Amino acid sequence: MYKKCQASFANNFFFFSPRKLSVLWEEKLKEELEKTKPLEEVCAALREELDAAHRQRIEAFEVKMKPIIIRGGPSRKVGAPIRMRIHSFVYHAV
C-alpha cells in the first residue's frame, strides 16, 4: 500500500501546480509538527531528569573532593615525633 501511494505521488508530482505543491507541503509540515510535539515534551522531561541526576553527582563529588583545611598548624603532640625523626635523620645520618 505504501509503495502504491509513493508511486502515485511520484507519478503525479509533475502534474501538480506549484500552488498545489505548496499546500501539500504545508499540510505535511503541520502533520509532522503535530507528531513531534509529544516527542519533544518527552525529550525535554528526560533531559531535565538527566541534568538533575548529573547535578546531584557533581555536588556529591565536590563535597567528597573538598580539601581538608587544618587551622592553626599541626598539634605539638603530632609534630614532636616528626621533628625528632627529622633531627635524627639530618644530624645523625653522617
Protein backbone atom coordinates (compact mmCIF):
# COMPACT_ATOMS: atom_id res chain seq x y z
CA MET A 1 0.00 0.00 0.00
CA TYR A 2 2.80 2.42 0.95
CA LYS A 3 4.66 1.74 -2.30
CA LYS A 4 1.48 2.34 -4.29
CA CYS A 5 0.93 5.68 -2.57
CA GLN A 6 4.55 6.60 -3.06
CA ALA A 7 4.45 5.63 -6.72
CA SER A 8 1.21 7.51 -7.36
CA PHE A 9 2.64 10.60 -5.65
CA ALA A 10 5.84 10.36 -7.71
CA ASN A 11 3.88 9.92 -10.93
CA ASN A 12 1.55 12.81 -10.18
CA PHE A 13 4.28 15.06 -8.77
CA PHE A 14 4.97 16.69 -12.11
CA PHE A 15 1.30 17.32 -12.80
CA PHE A 16 0.73 19.41 -9.67
CA SER A 17 0.90 23.14 -9.94
CA PRO A 18 3.35 24.96 -7.67
CA ARG A 19 0.41 26.28 -5.64
CA LYS A 20 -0.91 22.76 -5.00
CA LEU A 21 2.58 21.59 -4.08
CA SER A 22 2.96 24.38 -1.55
CA VAL A 23 -0.39 23.47 0.01
CA LEU A 24 0.66 19.80 0.13
CA TRP A 25 3.96 20.68 1.79
CA GLU A 26 2.23 22.88 4.34
CA GLU A 27 -0.17 20.06 5.23
CA LYS A 28 2.69 17.57 5.59
CA LEU A 29 4.63 20.06 7.71
CA LYS A 30 1.66 20.58 10.04
CA GLU A 31 1.25 16.80 10.40
CA GLU A 32 4.92 16.36 11.28
CA LEU A 33 4.85 19.24 13.77
CA GLU A 34 1.84 17.66 15.49
CA LYS A 35 3.69 14.33 15.68
CA THR A 36 6.86 15.88 17.09
CA LYS A 37 5.26 17.90 19.91
CA PRO A 38 4.75 14.91 22.25
CA LEU A 39 8.21 13.60 21.42
CA GLU A 40 9.78 16.96 22.23
CA GLU A 41 7.95 17.05 25.57
CA VAL A 42 9.22 13.58 26.48
CA CYS A 43 12.72 14.53 25.38
CA ALA A 44 12.67 17.71 27.48
CA ALA A 45 11.47 15.78 30.54
CA LEU A 46 14.23 13.20 30.10
CA ARG A 47 16.82 15.96 29.65
CA GLU A 48 15.69 17.65 32.88
CA GLU A 49 15.87 14.34 34.73
CA LEU A 50 19.37 13.70 33.39
CA ASP A 51 20.51 17.21 34.33
CA ALA A 52 19.18 16.77 37.88
CA ALA A 53 21.00 13.44 38.29
CA HIS A 54 24.18 14.98 36.88
CA ARG A 55 23.97 17.95 39.26
CA GLN A 56 23.45 15.59 42.18
CA ARG A 57 26.51 13.51 41.27
CA ILE A 58 28.70 16.59 40.71
CA GLU A 59 27.67 18.03 44.10
CA ALA A 60 28.49 14.72 45.82
CA PHE A 61 31.85 14.62 44.06
CA GLU A 62 32.68 18.21 45.01
CA VAL A 63 31.85 17.54 48.67
CA LYS A 64 33.97 14.39 48.64
CA MET A 65 36.94 16.09 46.95
CA LYS A 66 36.82 19.24 49.10
CA PRO A 67 40.26 19.87 50.60
CA ILE A 68 40.70 19.47 54.34
CA ILE A 69 41.84 22.74 55.88
CA ILE A 70 43.83 22.47 59.10
CA ARG A 71 43.72 25.67 61.09
CA GLY A 72 46.49 26.61 63.45
CA GLY A 73 49.01 24.14 62.01
CA PRO A 74 49.76 20.65 63.33
CA SER A 75 49.45 19.96 67.03
CA ARG A 76 52.51 19.68 69.23
CA LYS A 77 51.76 16.04 70.02
CA VAL A 78 51.87 15.12 66.35
CA GLY A 79 54.71 17.49 65.49
CA ALA A 80 57.18 16.34 68.18
CA PRO A 81 57.87 12.82 66.82
CA ILE A 82 58.18 14.17 63.31
CA ARG A 83 60.66 16.83 64.42
CA MET A 84 62.67 14.17 66.32
CA ARG A 85 62.87 11.95 63.24
CA ILE A 86 63.94 14.81 61.01
CA HIS A 87 66.50 15.92 63.60
CA SER A 88 67.95 12.42 63.93
CA PHE A 89 67.99 11.91 60.16
CA VAL A 90 69.71 15.21 59.45
CA TYR A 91 72.21 15.31 62.30
CA HIS A 92 72.93 11.62 62.87
CA ALA A 93 72.98 10.40 59.26
CA VAL A 94 76.70 11.01 58.90
